């Protein structure tokens, strides 16, 4: 099971071993997305409203898992498996729960300034064939 909060501006690392790859794909990605490290939440704020609605949304959003008692971190290769509910868990009405926080100033989970606004309760797992099974980004092996 997972223990780390996730934000819409994740921490990005840098490795010199993939510098040449970054120099090749960086300009391409920058044409598609001016701030690839930031995911705006305006679309979430507009859900269920008229398309011309004037919406004020927070700059940052964080989902923090509610850790069940006795839960240990999973050393799995694919972090998505930590969120997945097994058929046995679904049959027992076990859920994956997250707290939702927003802020206009805090960027990291450890910062102050997060405001708790609600919860998400996931009661089943869905897998998208196209994205979860077919989409693959080949990355060079880092030694």
N, C-alpha and C. Protein backbone atom coordinates (compact mmCIF):
# COMPACT_ATOMS: atom_id res chain seq x y z
N UNK A 1 0.86 -1.18 0.00
CA UNK A 1 0.00 0.00 0.00
C UNK A 1 0.89 1.23 0.00
N UNK A 2 0.40 2.31 -0.46
CA UNK A 2 1.13 3.56 -0.65
C UNK A 2 1.13 4.41 0.62
N UNK A 3 2.08 5.31 0.70
CA UNK A 3 2.15 6.21 1.85
C UNK A 3 2.43 7.65 1.46
N UNK A 4 2.73 7.92 0.21
CA UNK A 4 3.14 9.27 -0.18
C UNK A 4 1.99 10.09 -0.75
N UNK A 5 1.82 11.33 -0.28
CA UNK A 5 0.82 12.21 -0.89
C UNK A 5 1.26 12.59 -2.31
N UNK A 6 0.29 12.88 -3.18
CA UNK A 6 0.58 13.23 -4.56
C UNK A 6 -0.01 14.60 -4.86
N UNK A 7 0.73 15.45 -5.57
CA UNK A 7 0.22 16.77 -5.94
C UNK A 7 0.16 16.89 -7.46
N UNK A 8 -0.47 17.97 -7.92
CA UNK A 8 -0.52 18.22 -9.36
C UNK A 8 0.75 18.89 -9.86
N UNK A 9 1.76 19.05 -9.00
CA UNK A 9 3.09 19.54 -9.40
C UNK A 9 4.12 18.61 -8.76
N UNK A 10 4.30 17.43 -9.35
CA UNK A 10 5.21 16.46 -8.73
C UNK A 10 6.66 16.89 -8.80
N UNK A 11 7.44 16.38 -7.87
CA UNK A 11 8.87 16.65 -7.85
C UNK A 11 9.51 15.97 -9.06
N UNK A 12 10.34 16.70 -9.76
CA UNK A 12 10.99 16.18 -10.95
C UNK A 12 12.48 16.09 -10.68
N UNK A 13 13.05 14.96 -11.00
CA UNK A 13 14.48 14.76 -10.79
C UNK A 13 15.28 14.96 -12.07
N UNK A 14 16.58 14.84 -11.96
CA UNK A 14 17.45 15.01 -13.11
C UNK A 14 18.59 14.01 -13.01
N UNK A 15 18.87 13.37 -14.14
CA UNK A 15 20.00 12.44 -14.20
C UNK A 15 20.83 12.79 -15.43
N UNK A 16 22.12 12.93 -15.25
CA UNK A 16 23.01 13.25 -16.36
C UNK A 16 23.02 12.14 -17.41
N UNK A 17 22.74 10.91 -17.01
CA UNK A 17 22.79 9.79 -17.95
C UNK A 17 21.73 9.88 -19.04
N UNK A 18 20.67 10.66 -18.84
CA UNK A 18 19.63 10.79 -19.85
C UNK A 18 19.60 12.20 -20.45
N UNK A 19 20.69 12.93 -20.28
CA UNK A 19 20.76 14.31 -20.78
C UNK A 19 20.54 14.38 -22.29
N UNK A 20 21.16 13.47 -23.04
CA UNK A 20 21.01 13.52 -24.51
C UNK A 20 19.55 13.28 -24.91
N UNK A 21 18.87 12.39 -24.22
CA UNK A 21 17.45 12.15 -24.51
C UNK A 21 16.63 13.40 -24.21
N UNK A 22 16.91 14.05 -23.09
CA UNK A 22 16.20 15.27 -22.72
C UNK A 22 16.38 16.39 -23.73
N UNK A 23 17.59 16.50 -24.28
CA UNK A 23 17.85 17.53 -25.29
C UNK A 23 17.09 17.26 -26.59
N UNK A 24 16.79 15.99 -26.86
CA UNK A 24 16.05 15.65 -28.07
C UNK A 24 14.55 15.83 -27.89
N UNK A 25 14.01 15.34 -26.80
CA UNK A 25 12.55 15.38 -26.63
C UNK A 25 12.06 16.64 -25.92
N UNK A 26 12.93 17.34 -25.22
CA UNK A 26 12.53 18.55 -24.51
C UNK A 26 11.86 19.59 -25.39
N UNK A 27 12.46 19.96 -26.52
CA UNK A 27 11.82 20.95 -27.40
C UNK A 27 10.47 20.50 -27.94
N UNK A 28 10.33 19.20 -28.18
CA UNK A 28 9.05 18.67 -28.68
C UNK A 28 7.97 18.80 -27.61
N UNK A 29 8.30 18.38 -26.39
CA UNK A 29 7.33 18.47 -25.31
C UNK A 29 6.99 19.91 -24.97
N UNK A 30 7.95 20.82 -25.08
CA UNK A 30 7.67 22.22 -24.74
C UNK A 30 6.71 22.86 -25.73
N UNK A 31 6.66 22.36 -26.96
CA UNK A 31 5.67 22.86 -27.91
C UNK A 31 4.26 22.45 -27.52
N UNK A 32 4.15 21.27 -26.92
CA UNK A 32 2.83 20.74 -26.53
C UNK A 32 2.38 21.26 -25.17
N UNK A 33 3.31 21.56 -24.31
CA UNK A 33 2.97 21.91 -22.93
C UNK A 33 4.00 22.89 -22.38
N UNK A 34 3.58 24.11 -22.07
CA UNK A 34 4.51 25.14 -21.61
C UNK A 34 5.07 24.86 -20.21
N UNK A 35 4.32 24.20 -19.35
CA UNK A 35 4.79 23.85 -18.01
C UNK A 35 4.45 22.39 -17.76
N UNK A 36 5.29 21.51 -18.30
CA UNK A 36 5.01 20.07 -18.25
C UNK A 36 4.99 19.52 -16.83
N UNK A 37 5.58 20.22 -15.88
CA UNK A 37 5.61 19.75 -14.51
C UNK A 37 4.40 20.15 -13.69
N UNK A 38 3.49 20.89 -14.28
CA UNK A 38 2.32 21.40 -13.55
C UNK A 38 1.04 21.00 -14.27
N UNK A 39 0.12 20.42 -13.55
CA UNK A 39 -1.18 20.05 -14.07
C UNK A 39 -2.24 20.94 -13.45
N UNK A 40 -2.82 21.90 -14.22
CA UNK A 40 -3.84 22.79 -13.66
C UNK A 40 -5.08 22.00 -13.24
N UNK A 41 -5.79 22.49 -12.25
CA UNK A 41 -7.00 21.82 -11.77
C UNK A 41 -8.27 22.56 -12.16
N UNK A 42 -8.17 23.51 -13.07
CA UNK A 42 -9.33 24.27 -13.51
C UNK A 42 -10.40 23.35 -14.09
N UNK A 43 -9.99 22.35 -14.85
CA UNK A 43 -10.95 21.41 -15.43
C UNK A 43 -11.75 20.68 -14.37
N UNK A 44 -11.13 20.34 -13.27
CA UNK A 44 -11.83 19.68 -12.17
C UNK A 44 -12.81 20.66 -11.53
N UNK A 45 -12.38 21.91 -11.37
CA UNK A 45 -13.25 22.92 -10.75
C UNK A 45 -14.49 23.19 -11.61
N UNK A 46 -14.38 23.02 -12.93
CA UNK A 46 -15.50 23.29 -13.84
C UNK A 46 -16.44 22.11 -14.02
N UNK A 47 -16.11 20.96 -13.46
CA UNK A 47 -16.95 19.77 -13.66
C UNK A 47 -18.38 20.03 -13.21
N UNK A 48 -19.32 19.72 -14.09
CA UNK A 48 -20.73 19.85 -13.77
C UNK A 48 -21.27 21.26 -13.94
N UNK A 49 -20.46 22.20 -14.38
CA UNK A 49 -20.92 23.58 -14.57
C UNK A 49 -21.06 23.88 -16.06
N UNK A 50 -21.74 24.96 -16.36
CA UNK A 50 -21.88 25.40 -17.76
C UNK A 50 -20.49 25.72 -18.31
N UNK A 51 -20.30 25.52 -19.60
CA UNK A 51 -18.98 25.72 -20.20
C UNK A 51 -18.52 27.17 -20.13
N UNK A 52 -19.45 28.11 -20.03
CA UNK A 52 -19.05 29.52 -19.96
C UNK A 52 -18.99 30.03 -18.52
N UNK A 53 -19.10 29.14 -17.54
CA UNK A 53 -19.08 29.55 -16.12
C UNK A 53 -17.71 30.11 -15.76
N UNK A 54 -17.72 31.18 -14.99
CA UNK A 54 -16.48 31.78 -14.50
C UNK A 54 -16.12 31.06 -13.20
N UNK A 55 -15.05 30.30 -13.23
CA UNK A 55 -14.66 29.46 -12.10
C UNK A 55 -13.33 29.93 -11.54
N UNK A 56 -13.25 30.00 -10.23
CA UNK A 56 -11.99 30.27 -9.56
C UNK A 56 -11.53 28.95 -8.96
N UNK A 57 -10.35 28.51 -9.36
CA UNK A 57 -9.86 27.24 -8.84
C UNK A 57 -8.53 27.45 -8.13
N UNK A 58 -8.20 26.54 -7.22
CA UNK A 58 -6.90 26.65 -6.55
C UNK A 58 -5.78 26.33 -7.53
N UNK A 59 -4.59 26.77 -7.22
CA UNK A 59 -3.44 26.49 -8.08
C UNK A 59 -2.94 25.06 -7.87
N UNK A 60 -2.94 24.61 -6.62
CA UNK A 60 -2.40 23.30 -6.30
C UNK A 60 -3.44 22.41 -5.64
N UNK A 61 -3.36 21.12 -5.95
CA UNK A 61 -4.24 20.15 -5.32
C UNK A 61 -3.36 18.97 -4.89
N UNK A 62 -3.70 18.37 -3.75
CA UNK A 62 -2.96 17.23 -3.25
C UNK A 62 -3.93 16.14 -2.81
N UNK A 63 -3.66 14.92 -3.21
CA UNK A 63 -4.39 13.75 -2.72
C UNK A 63 -3.47 13.02 -1.76
N UNK A 64 -3.98 12.77 -0.58
CA UNK A 64 -3.19 12.08 0.43
C UNK A 64 -3.93 10.81 0.84
N UNK A 65 -3.30 9.65 0.68
CA UNK A 65 -3.98 8.41 1.01
C UNK A 65 -4.27 8.30 2.50
N UNK A 66 -5.41 7.73 2.81
CA UNK A 66 -5.75 7.41 4.20
C UNK A 66 -5.23 6.00 4.40
N UNK A 67 -4.22 5.88 5.23
CA UNK A 67 -3.55 4.60 5.43
C UNK A 67 -4.34 3.72 6.40
N UNK A 68 -4.82 2.56 5.92
CA UNK A 68 -5.53 1.65 6.82
C UNK A 68 -4.61 1.10 7.90
N UNK A 69 -5.17 0.77 9.05
CA UNK A 69 -4.39 0.22 10.15
C UNK A 69 -3.69 -1.07 9.71
N UNK A 70 -2.43 -1.20 10.07
CA UNK A 70 -1.67 -2.41 9.77
C UNK A 70 -1.17 -2.49 8.34
N UNK A 71 -1.32 -1.43 7.58
CA UNK A 71 -0.91 -1.43 6.17
C UNK A 71 0.59 -1.17 6.06
N UNK A 72 1.25 -1.94 5.21
CA UNK A 72 2.68 -1.78 4.96
C UNK A 72 2.90 -1.34 3.52
N UNK A 73 3.94 -0.52 3.26
CA UNK A 73 4.22 -0.12 1.88
C UNK A 73 4.51 -1.32 0.99
N UNK A 74 4.10 -1.23 -0.26
CA UNK A 74 4.31 -2.30 -1.23
C UNK A 74 5.58 -2.02 -2.02
N UNK A 75 6.46 -3.00 -2.15
CA UNK A 75 7.69 -2.79 -2.92
C UNK A 75 7.51 -3.08 -4.40
N UNK A 76 6.30 -3.05 -4.91
CA UNK A 76 6.01 -3.41 -6.30
C UNK A 76 6.70 -2.53 -7.31
N UNK A 77 6.84 -3.06 -8.52
CA UNK A 77 7.49 -2.34 -9.61
C UNK A 77 6.57 -1.25 -10.16
N UNK A 78 5.28 -1.53 -10.29
CA UNK A 78 4.33 -0.59 -10.87
C UNK A 78 3.49 0.03 -9.75
N UNK A 79 3.67 1.33 -9.50
CA UNK A 79 2.98 1.97 -8.38
C UNK A 79 1.46 1.89 -8.53
N UNK A 80 0.94 1.75 -9.76
CA UNK A 80 -0.51 1.67 -9.93
C UNK A 80 -1.10 0.45 -9.25
N UNK A 81 -0.31 -0.60 -9.10
CA UNK A 81 -0.79 -1.80 -8.42
C UNK A 81 -1.10 -1.53 -6.95
N UNK A 82 -0.49 -0.50 -6.38
CA UNK A 82 -0.76 -0.16 -4.99
C UNK A 82 -2.17 0.39 -4.82
N UNK A 83 -2.74 0.95 -5.88
CA UNK A 83 -4.08 1.51 -5.82
C UNK A 83 -5.15 0.49 -6.16
N UNK A 84 -4.76 -0.54 -6.89
CA UNK A 84 -5.72 -1.51 -7.40
C UNK A 84 -6.33 -2.33 -6.28
N UNK A 85 -7.63 -2.53 -6.38
CA UNK A 85 -8.34 -3.40 -5.45
C UNK A 85 -8.45 -4.78 -6.07
N UNK A 86 -8.17 -5.80 -5.28
CA UNK A 86 -8.32 -7.17 -5.77
C UNK A 86 -9.80 -7.53 -5.75
N UNK A 87 -10.20 -8.52 -6.51
CA UNK A 87 -11.61 -8.96 -6.46
C UNK A 87 -12.05 -9.34 -5.04
N UNK A 88 -11.15 -9.90 -4.26
CA UNK A 88 -11.48 -10.27 -2.88
C UNK A 88 -11.75 -9.02 -2.04
N UNK A 89 -10.96 -7.97 -2.24
CA UNK A 89 -11.17 -6.72 -1.50
C UNK A 89 -12.48 -6.06 -1.91
N UNK A 90 -12.78 -6.08 -3.21
CA UNK A 90 -14.04 -5.51 -3.69
C UNK A 90 -15.22 -6.26 -3.09
N UNK A 91 -15.13 -7.59 -3.03
CA UNK A 91 -16.21 -8.40 -2.46
C UNK A 91 -16.42 -8.10 -0.97
N UNK A 92 -15.35 -7.71 -0.29
CA UNK A 92 -15.44 -7.39 1.15
C UNK A 92 -15.74 -5.91 1.39
N UNK A 93 -16.07 -5.16 0.32
CA UNK A 93 -16.37 -3.72 0.40
C UNK A 93 -15.19 -2.90 0.96
N UNK A 94 -13.97 -3.34 0.68
CA UNK A 94 -12.78 -2.58 1.06
C UNK A 94 -12.58 -1.48 0.04
N UNK A 95 -12.19 -0.31 0.48
CA UNK A 95 -12.00 0.83 -0.42
C UNK A 95 -10.59 1.40 -0.27
N UNK A 96 -10.20 2.22 -1.24
CA UNK A 96 -8.98 3.03 -1.15
C UNK A 96 -9.47 4.46 -0.95
N UNK A 97 -9.07 5.06 0.15
CA UNK A 97 -9.56 6.37 0.51
C UNK A 97 -8.45 7.42 0.44
N UNK A 98 -8.81 8.60 -0.02
CA UNK A 98 -7.87 9.71 -0.15
C UNK A 98 -8.48 10.97 0.42
N UNK A 99 -7.65 11.79 1.06
CA UNK A 99 -8.08 13.12 1.50
C UNK A 99 -7.68 14.10 0.41
N UNK A 100 -8.53 15.10 0.15
CA UNK A 100 -8.26 16.10 -0.88
C UNK A 100 -7.90 17.42 -0.20
N UNK A 101 -6.78 18.00 -0.60
CA UNK A 101 -6.32 19.28 -0.09
C UNK A 101 -6.08 20.22 -1.26
N UNK A 102 -6.27 21.51 -1.06
CA UNK A 102 -5.98 22.53 -2.07
C UNK A 102 -5.20 23.67 -1.44
N UNK A 103 -4.49 24.42 -2.29
CA UNK A 103 -3.73 25.58 -1.82
C UNK A 103 -3.37 26.46 -3.00
N UNK A 104 -3.18 27.73 -2.73
CA UNK A 104 -2.65 28.65 -3.74
C UNK A 104 -1.18 28.94 -3.50
N UNK A 105 -0.64 28.48 -2.35
CA UNK A 105 0.74 28.80 -2.01
C UNK A 105 1.61 27.57 -1.78
N UNK A 106 1.08 26.55 -1.14
CA UNK A 106 1.88 25.35 -0.84
C UNK A 106 2.10 24.55 -2.11
N UNK A 107 3.30 24.05 -2.31
CA UNK A 107 3.60 23.26 -3.50
C UNK A 107 4.01 21.83 -3.16
N UNK A 108 4.56 21.63 -1.96
CA UNK A 108 5.02 20.31 -1.55
C UNK A 108 4.14 19.80 -0.41
N UNK A 109 3.99 18.50 -0.28
CA UNK A 109 3.14 17.96 0.78
C UNK A 109 3.53 18.43 2.18
N UNK A 110 4.80 18.67 2.41
CA UNK A 110 5.24 19.07 3.75
C UNK A 110 5.04 20.57 4.02
N UNK A 111 4.67 21.36 3.02
CA UNK A 111 4.43 22.79 3.21
C UNK A 111 3.18 23.03 4.04
N UNK A 112 3.14 24.18 4.71
CA UNK A 112 1.91 24.59 5.38
C UNK A 112 1.06 25.35 4.37
N UNK A 113 -0.21 25.51 4.64
CA UNK A 113 -1.09 26.25 3.75
C UNK A 113 -2.07 25.39 3.00
N UNK A 114 -2.07 24.07 3.23
CA UNK A 114 -3.04 23.20 2.58
C UNK A 114 -4.37 23.26 3.30
N UNK A 115 -5.45 23.32 2.54
CA UNK A 115 -6.81 23.35 3.12
C UNK A 115 -7.52 22.06 2.73
N UNK A 116 -8.01 21.34 3.72
CA UNK A 116 -8.72 20.08 3.48
C UNK A 116 -10.12 20.40 2.95
N UNK A 117 -10.49 19.81 1.78
CA UNK A 117 -11.81 20.11 1.20
C UNK A 117 -12.70 18.89 1.03
N UNK A 118 -12.16 17.68 1.24
CA UNK A 118 -13.03 16.52 1.08
C UNK A 118 -12.28 15.22 0.99
N UNK A 119 -13.01 14.19 0.53
CA UNK A 119 -12.48 12.84 0.45
C UNK A 119 -12.84 12.21 -0.89
N UNK A 120 -12.07 11.23 -1.30
CA UNK A 120 -12.39 10.36 -2.42
C UNK A 120 -12.39 8.95 -1.87
N UNK A 121 -13.44 8.20 -2.18
CA UNK A 121 -13.54 6.81 -1.76
C UNK A 121 -13.66 5.97 -3.02
N UNK A 122 -12.59 5.21 -3.33
CA UNK A 122 -12.59 4.35 -4.51
C UNK A 122 -13.00 2.95 -4.10
N UNK A 123 -14.07 2.44 -4.74
CA UNK A 123 -14.57 1.12 -4.34
C UNK A 123 -14.37 0.05 -5.41
N UNK A 124 -13.73 0.42 -6.54
CA UNK A 124 -13.41 -0.59 -7.55
C UNK A 124 -12.25 -0.08 -8.40
N UNK A 125 -11.64 -0.99 -9.11
CA UNK A 125 -10.50 -0.67 -9.96
C UNK A 125 -10.93 -0.76 -11.41
N UNK A 126 -10.53 0.23 -12.20
CA UNK A 126 -10.80 0.21 -13.64
C UNK A 126 -9.47 0.30 -14.37
N UNK A 127 -9.33 -0.48 -15.41
CA UNK A 127 -8.12 -0.48 -16.22
C UNK A 127 -8.50 -0.07 -17.63
N UNK A 128 -7.82 0.93 -18.14
CA UNK A 128 -8.04 1.38 -19.51
C UNK A 128 -7.13 0.56 -20.42
N UNK A 129 -7.71 -0.16 -21.35
CA UNK A 129 -6.91 -0.99 -22.23
C UNK A 129 -5.90 -0.15 -23.00
N UNK A 130 -6.34 0.99 -23.54
CA UNK A 130 -5.45 1.81 -24.36
C UNK A 130 -4.29 2.39 -23.58
N UNK A 131 -4.56 2.98 -22.43
CA UNK A 131 -3.48 3.64 -21.68
C UNK A 131 -2.73 2.69 -20.76
N UNK A 132 -3.45 1.84 -20.05
CA UNK A 132 -2.79 0.99 -19.08
C UNK A 132 -2.15 -0.25 -19.70
N UNK A 133 -2.64 -0.69 -20.85
CA UNK A 133 -2.12 -1.91 -21.44
C UNK A 133 -1.32 -1.68 -22.72
N UNK A 134 -1.60 -0.64 -23.46
CA UNK A 134 -0.95 -0.42 -24.75
C UNK A 134 0.06 0.72 -24.76
N UNK A 135 -0.23 1.81 -24.06
CA UNK A 135 0.65 2.98 -24.09
C UNK A 135 1.94 2.67 -23.35
N UNK A 136 3.05 2.91 -23.99
CA UNK A 136 4.34 2.62 -23.36
C UNK A 136 5.35 3.66 -23.83
N UNK A 137 6.07 4.22 -22.88
CA UNK A 137 7.15 5.13 -23.19
C UNK A 137 8.45 4.38 -22.94
N UNK A 138 9.22 4.13 -23.98
CA UNK A 138 10.48 3.43 -23.83
C UNK A 138 11.50 4.39 -23.24
N UNK A 139 12.09 4.00 -22.15
CA UNK A 139 13.14 4.81 -21.50
C UNK A 139 14.44 4.06 -21.55
N UNK A 140 15.53 4.76 -21.76
CA UNK A 140 16.81 4.06 -21.75
C UNK A 140 17.11 3.53 -20.35
N UNK A 141 17.77 2.39 -20.30
CA UNK A 141 18.14 1.83 -19.00
C UNK A 141 19.20 2.71 -18.37
N UNK A 142 19.02 2.99 -17.10
CA UNK A 142 19.99 3.80 -16.36
C UNK A 142 20.82 2.86 -15.52
N UNK A 143 22.12 2.95 -15.66
CA UNK A 143 22.97 2.03 -14.89
C UNK A 143 23.53 2.69 -13.66
